[in-house]
C-alpha atoms as a PDB file:
ATOM      1  CA  UNK A   1       2.985   8.008   0.146  1.00  0.00           C
ATOM      2  CA  UNK A   2       3.746  11.744   0.273  1.00  0.00           C
ATOM      3  CA  UNK A   3       0.517  12.443   2.163  1.00  0.00           C
ATOM      4  CA  UNK A   4       1.132   9.491   4.474  1.00  0.00           C
ATOM      5  CA  UNK A   5       4.620  10.735   5.265  1.00  0.00           C
ATOM      6  CA  UNK A   6       3.234  14.168   6.197  1.00  0.00           C
ATOM      7  CA  UNK A   7       0.591  12.562   8.441  1.00  0.00           C
ATOM      8  CA  UNK A   8       3.219  10.403  10.156  1.00  0.00           C
ATOM      9  CA  UNK A   9       5.439  13.425  10.778  1.00  0.00           C
ATOM     10  CA  UNK A  10       2.561  15.473  12.167  1.00  0.00           C
ATOM     11  CA  UNK A  11       1.405  12.714  14.533  1.00  0.00           C
ATOM     12  CA  UNK A  12       4.958  11.548  15.369  1.00  0.00           C
ATOM     13  CA  UNK A  13       4.119   8.084  14.036  1.00  0.00           C
ATOM     14  CA  UNK A  14       6.320   5.600  12.237  1.00  0.00           C
ATOM     15  CA  UNK A  15       5.920   5.493   8.460  1.00  0.00           C
ATOM     16  CA  UNK A  16       5.836   2.325   6.352  1.00  0.00           C
ATOM     17  CA  UNK A  17       5.435   2.108   2.611  1.00  0.00           C
ATOM     18  CA  UNK A  18       8.234   0.355   0.739  1.00  0.00           C
ATOM     19  CA  UNK A  19       9.594  -0.401   4.218  1.00  0.00           C
ATOM     20  CA  UNK A  20       6.849  -3.022   4.606  1.00  0.00           C
ATOM     21  CA  UNK A  21       8.555  -5.098   1.906  1.00  0.00           C
ATOM     22  CA  UNK A  22      11.793  -5.055   3.918  1.00  0.00           C
ATOM     23  CA  UNK A  23       9.938  -6.072   7.086  1.00  0.00           C
ATOM     24  CA  UNK A  24       8.188  -8.943   5.300  1.00  0.00           C
ATOM     25  CA  UNK A  25      11.521 -10.127   3.873  1.00  0.00           C
ATOM     26  CA  UNK A  26      13.076 -10.105   7.368  1.00  0.00           C
ATOM     27  CA  UNK A  27      10.114 -11.942   8.878  1.00  0.00           C
ATOM     28  CA  UNK A  28      10.084 -14.551   6.118  1.00  0.00           C
ATOM     29  CA  UNK A  29      13.885 -14.884   6.036  1.00  0.00           C
ATOM     30  CA  UNK A  30      13.772 -14.248   2.302  1.00  0.00           C
ATOM     31  CA  UNK A  31      15.765 -12.000   0.029  1.00  0.00           C
ATOM     32  CA  UNK A  32      14.109  -8.646  -0.527  1.00  0.00           C
ATOM     33  CA  UNK A  33      14.084  -9.217  -4.307  1.00  0.00           C
ATOM     34  CA  UNK A  34      11.976 -12.380  -3.892  1.00  0.00           C
ATOM     35  CA  UNK A  35       9.456 -10.553  -1.719  1.00  0.00           C
ATOM     36  CA  UNK A  36       9.377  -7.591  -4.113  1.00  0.00           C
ATOM     37  CA  UNK A  37       8.385  -9.947  -6.912  1.00  0.00           C
ATOM     38  CA  UNK A  38       5.059 -10.457  -5.118  1.00  0.00           C
ATOM     39  CA  UNK A  39       4.545  -6.996  -3.680  1.00  0.00           C
ATOM     40  CA  UNK A  40       1.118  -5.711  -4.738  1.00  0.00           C
ATOM     41  CA  UNK A  41       1.130  -7.940  -7.801  1.00  0.00           C
ATOM     42  CA  UNK A  42      -1.053 -10.808  -8.906  1.00  0.00           C
ATOM     43  CA  UNK A  43       0.245 -14.110 -10.152  1.00  0.00           C
ATOM     44  CA  UNK A  44      -1.768 -16.919 -11.650  1.00  0.00           C
ATOM     45  CA  UNK A  45      -1.718 -20.532 -10.455  1.00  0.00           C
ATOM     46  CA  UNK A  46       0.539 -21.713 -13.275  1.00  0.00           C
ATOM     47  CA  UNK A  47       3.148 -19.095 -12.399  1.00  0.00           C
ATOM     48  CA  UNK A  48       2.863 -20.114  -8.725  1.00  0.00           C
ATOM     49  CA  UNK A  49       3.573 -23.737  -9.652  1.00  0.00           C
ATOM     50  CA  UNK A  50       6.629 -22.759 -11.720  1.00  0.00           C
ATOM     51  CA  UNK A  51       7.971 -20.568  -8.894  1.00  0.00           C
ATOM     52  CA  UNK A  52       7.551 -23.412  -6.369  1.00  0.00           C
ATOM     53  CA  UNK A  53       9.812 -25.611  -8.500  1.00  0.00           C
ATOM     54  CA  UNK A  54      12.813 -23.415  -7.592  1.00  0.00           C
ATOM     55  CA  UNK A  55      13.125 -24.864  -4.081  1.00  0.00           C
ATOM     56  CA  UNK A  56      13.966 -22.667  -1.107  1.00  0.00           C
ATOM     57  CA  UNK A  57      14.026 -19.455  -3.158  1.00  0.00           C
ATOM     58  CA  UNK A  58      10.323 -19.756  -3.894  1.00  0.00           C
ATOM     59  CA  UNK A  59       7.850 -17.587  -2.108  1.00  0.00           C
ATOM     60  CA  UNK A  60       4.196 -18.021  -2.985  1.00  0.00           C
ATOM     61  CA  UNK A  61       1.397 -15.475  -2.912  1.00  0.00           C
ATOM     62  CA  UNK A  62      -0.059 -17.288   0.081  1.00  0.00           C
ATOM     63  CA  UNK A  63       3.217 -17.139   1.999  1.00  0.00           C
ATOM     64  CA  UNK A  64       3.654 -13.485   1.095  1.00  0.00           C
ATOM     65  CA  UNK A  65       0.163 -12.653   2.353  1.00  0.00           C
ATOM     66  CA  UNK A  66       0.711 -14.639   5.566  1.00  0.00           C
ATOM     67  CA  UNK A  67       3.969 -12.812   6.330  1.00  0.00           C
ATOM     68  CA  UNK A  68       2.566  -9.447   5.242  1.00  0.00           C
ATOM     69  CA  UNK A  69      -0.468  -9.901   7.512  1.00  0.00           C
ATOM     70  CA  UNK A  70       1.771 -10.854  10.430  1.00  0.00           C
ATOM     71  CA  UNK A  71       4.026  -7.831   9.932  1.00  0.00           C
ATOM     72  CA  UNK A  72       1.098  -5.407   9.525  1.00  0.00           C
ATOM     73  CA  UNK A  73      -0.678  -6.741  12.630  1.00  0.00           C
ATOM     74  CA  UNK A  74       2.548  -6.668  14.656  1.00  0.00           C
ATOM     75  CA  UNK A  75       3.253  -3.069  13.651  1.00  0.00           C
ATOM     76  CA  UNK A  76      -0.314  -2.167  14.580  1.00  0.00           C
ATOM     77  CA  UNK A  77      -0.145  -3.950  17.924  1.00  0.00           C
ATOM     78  CA  UNK A  78       3.137  -2.489  19.143  1.00  0.00           C
ATOM     79  CA  UNK A  79       3.076   1.031  17.854  1.00  0.00           C
ATOM     80  CA  UNK A  80       1.330   3.741  15.993  1.00  0.00           C
ATOM     81  CA  UNK A  81       2.141   4.111  12.377  1.00  0.00           C
ATOM     82  CA  UNK A  82       1.037   5.116   8.937  1.00  0.00           C
ATOM     83  CA  UNK A  83       0.998   2.128   6.594  1.00  0.00           C
ATOM     84  CA  UNK A  84       0.709   2.838   2.885  1.00  0.00           C
ATOM     85  CA  UNK A  85      -0.656   0.224   0.515  1.00  0.00           C
ATOM     86  CA  UNK A  86      -0.245  -3.543   0.532  1.00  0.00           C
ATOM     87  CA  UNK A  87      -3.896  -3.997   1.510  1.00  0.00           C
ATOM     88  CA  UNK A  88      -3.217  -2.941   5.108  1.00  0.00           C
ATOM     89  CA  UNK A  89      -6.682  -1.349   5.225  1.00  0.00           C
ATOM     90  CA  UNK A  90      -8.149  -4.826   4.661  1.00  0.00           C
ATOM     91  CA  UNK A  91      -5.870  -6.591   7.152  1.00  0.00           C
ATOM     92  CA  UNK A  92      -6.495  -4.327  10.153  1.00  0.00           C
ATOM     93  CA  UNK A  93      -9.814  -3.864  11.906  1.00  0.00           C
ATOM     94  CA  UNK A  94     -11.800  -0.829  10.715  1.00  0.00           C
ATOM     95  CA  UNK A  95     -12.619  -0.060  14.349  1.00  0.00           C
ATOM     96  CA  UNK A  96      -8.981   0.670  15.200  1.00  0.00           C
ATOM     97  CA  UNK A  97      -7.799   1.979  11.851  1.00  0.00           C
ATOM     98  CA  UNK A  98      -8.381   5.153   9.890  1.00  0.00           C
ATOM     99  CA  UNK A  99      -8.623   3.914   6.315  1.00  0.00           C
ATOM    100  CA  UNK A 100      -7.714   6.594   3.777  1.00  0.00           C
ATOM    101  CA  UNK A 101      -7.585   6.519  -0.006  1.00  0.00           C
ATOM    102  CA  UNK A 102      -5.970   9.296  -1.975  1.00  0.00           C
ATOM    103  CA  UNK A 103      -6.904   9.721  -5.596  1.00  0.00           C
ATOM    104  CA  UNK A 104      -6.101  12.128  -8.413  1.00  0.00           C
ATOM    105  CA  UNK A 105      -7.063  12.356 -12.061  1.00  0.00           C
ATOM    106  CA  UNK A 106      -4.990  10.124 -14.327  1.00  0.00           C
ATOM    107  CA  UNK A 107      -3.292  12.983 -16.183  1.00  0.00           C
ATOM    108  CA  UNK A 108      -2.143  14.593 -12.933  1.00  0.00           C
ATOM    109  CA  UNK A 109      -0.735  11.294 -11.678  1.00  0.00           C
ATOM    110  CA  UNK A 110       1.068  10.743 -14.980  1.00  0.00           C
ATOM    111  CA  UNK A 111       2.611  14.212 -14.795  1.00  0.00           C
ATOM    112  CA  UNK A 112       3.731  13.674 -11.188  1.00  0.00           C
ATOM    113  CA  UNK A 113       5.282  10.267 -11.922  1.00  0.00           C
ATOM    114  CA  UNK A 114       7.044  11.592 -15.040  1.00  0.00           C
ATOM    115  CA  UNK A 115       8.589  14.401 -12.990  1.00  0.00           C
ATOM    116  CA  UNK A 116       9.462  12.249  -9.977  1.00  0.00           C
ATOM    117  CA  UNK A 117      10.960   9.374 -11.978  1.00  0.00           C
ATOM    118  CA  UNK A 118      12.386  11.624 -14.716  1.00  0.00           C
ATOM    119  CA  UNK A 119      10.692   9.616 -17.478  1.00  0.00           C
ATOM    120  CA  UNK A 120       8.587  10.472 -20.505  1.00  0.00           C
ATOM    121  CA  UNK A 121       4.851  11.014 -20.216  1.00  0.00           C
ATOM    122  CA  UNK A 122       4.166   7.840 -22.210  1.00  0.00           C
ATOM    123  CA  UNK A 123       6.424   5.779 -19.933  1.00  0.00           C
ATOM    124  CA  UNK A 124       4.783   7.373 -16.903  1.00  0.00           C
ATOM    125  CA  UNK A 125       1.325   6.536 -18.289  1.00  0.00           C
ATOM    126  CA  UNK A 126       2.330   2.896 -18.760  1.00  0.00           C
ATOM    127  CA  UNK A 127       3.771   2.777 -15.232  1.00  0.00           C
ATOM    128  CA  UNK A 128       0.694   4.359 -13.628  1.00  0.00           C
ATOM    129  CA  UNK A 129      -1.717   2.063 -15.470  1.00  0.00           C
ATOM    130  CA  UNK A 130       0.341  -1.045 -14.647  1.00  0.00           C
ATOM    131  CA  UNK A 131       0.661  -0.053 -10.996  1.00  0.00           C
ATOM    132  CA  UNK A 132      -3.088   0.602 -10.761  1.00  0.00           C
ATOM    133  CA  UNK A 133      -3.881  -2.771 -12.343  1.00  0.00           C
ATOM    134  CA  UNK A 134      -1.392  -4.596 -10.096  1.00  0.00           C
ATOM    135  CA  UNK A 135      -2.773  -3.007  -6.929  1.00  0.00           C
ATOM    136  CA  UNK A 136      -6.381  -3.627  -7.890  1.00  0.00           C
ATOM    137  CA  UNK A 137      -5.616  -7.225  -8.856  1.00  0.00           C
ATOM    138  CA  UNK A 138      -3.631  -7.849  -5.669  1.00  0.00           C
ATOM    139  CA  UNK A 139      -6.471  -6.691  -3.405  1.00  0.00           C
ATOM    140  CA  UNK A 140      -9.098  -8.483  -5.463  1.00  0.00           C
ATOM    141  CA  UNK A 141      -7.104 -11.733  -5.443  1.00  0.00           C
ATOM    142  CA  UNK A 142      -6.138 -11.713  -1.763  1.00  0.00           C
ATOM    143  CA  UNK A 143      -9.009  -9.903  -0.062  1.00  0.00           C
ATOM    144  CA  UNK A 144     -11.791 -10.196  -2.642  1.00  0.00           C
ATOM    145  CA  UNK A 145     -12.315  -6.461  -2.255  1.00  0.00           C
ATOM    146  CA  UNK A 146     -12.247  -3.573  -4.689  1.00  0.00           C
ATOM    147  CA  UNK A 147      -9.729  -0.898  -3.708  1.00  0.00           C
ATOM    148  CA  UNK A 148     -11.629   1.658  -5.766  1.00  0.00           C
ATOM    149  CA  UNK A 149     -14.870   1.166  -3.788  1.00  0.00           C
ATOM    150  CA  UNK A 150     -15.192   4.174  -1.491  1.00  0.00           C
ATOM    151  CA  UNK A 151     -17.157   2.200   1.122  1.00  0.00           C
ATOM    152  CA  UNK A 152     -13.880   0.446   2.015  1.00  0.00           C
ATOM    153  CA  UNK A 153     -12.497   3.748   3.370  1.00  0.00           C
ATOM    154  CA  UNK A 154     -13.234   6.302   6.038  1.00  0.00           C
ATOM    155  CA  UNK A 155     -12.051   9.139   3.788  1.00  0.00           C
ATOM    156  CA  UNK A 156     -11.288   9.522   0.088  1.00  0.00           C
ATOM    157  CA  UNK A 157      -9.252  12.621  -0.740  1.00  0.00           C
ATOM    158  CA  UNK A 158      -8.458  14.008  -4.181  1.00  0.00           C
ATOM    159  CA  UNK A 159      -4.874  15.277  -4.326  1.00  0.00           C
ATOM    160  CA  UNK A 160      -5.676  16.724  -7.722  1.00  0.00           C
ATOM    161  CA  UNK A 161      -7.852  19.386  -6.086  1.00  0.00           C
ATOM    162  CA  UNK A 162      -6.570  19.416  -2.503  1.00  0.00           C
ATOM    163  CA  UNK A 163      -2.870  19.893  -1.760  1.00  0.00           C
ATOM    164  CA  UNK A 164      -0.932  17.083  -0.107  1.00  0.00           C
ATOM    165  CA  UNK A 165      -0.406  19.306   2.937  1.00  0.00           C
ATOM    166  CA  UNK A 166      -4.151  20.040   3.214  1.00  0.00           C
ATOM    167  CA  UNK A 167      -4.998  16.343   2.786  1.00  0.00           C
ATOM    168  CA  UNK A 168      -2.539  15.447   5.530  1.00  0.00           C
ATOM    169  CA  UNK A 169      -4.075  18.034   7.871  1.00  0.00           C
ATOM    170  CA  UNK A 170      -7.593  16.711   7.163  1.00  0.00           C
ATOM    171  CA  UNK A 171      -6.419  13.187   7.992  1.00  0.00           C
ATOM    172  CA  UNK A 172      -4.699  14.319  11.205  1.00  0.00           C
ATOM    173  CA  UNK A 173      -7.866  16.185  12.243  1.00  0.00           C
ATOM    174  CA  UNK A 174     -10.038  13.141  11.548  1.00  0.00           C
ATOM    175  CA  UNK A 175      -7.627  10.840  13.385  1.00  0.00           C
ATOM    176  CA  UNK A 176      -7.589  13.083  16.436  1.00  0.00           C
ATOM    177  CA  UNK A 177     -11.364  13.459  16.435  1.00  0.00           C
ATOM    178  CA  UNK A 178     -11.890   9.720  16.176  1.00  0.00           C
ATOM    179  CA  UNK A 179      -9.151   8.319  18.400  1.00  0.00           C
ATOM    180  CA  UNK A 180      -8.333  11.012  20.965  1.00  0.00           C
ATOM    181  CA  UNK A 181     -10.502  10.630  23.921  1.00  0.00           C
END
């Protein structure tokens, strides 16, 4: 998200990361907490059935994906923006989207999360591993695609060896080369 924010600022684009959850909640007329319960997470069919038994407060994976896809496509159609996560790279056409993946070694990510969230290294490790598993499962379940497969991206940048600022500049340069014309 930090790299995406820098890219958005440099290109004067809108930025959406956690904000996508708020937009989906508005579009679906659901409480943000309900939508957050599905955000980049996988749920099995039994859990889906139990959730549906709660009446109008239920919000299934399918409904979440439908609303998410609508919001992502609408944002793409009516403006220029940087969208972080939520499978946006699989929702939008590769011909009109610059699909970027940032990576870093596990230990570096753990250290960054521990500092940012002010938690222990072991708690940060658990959070990073859970988040990775949730994101991978979400994209596998909804798009049948592997988020770790580099062929799903135009660029893969390692923030463990390249600074966030340098990554952002590389992305801006690639965007301008590809879409300015």
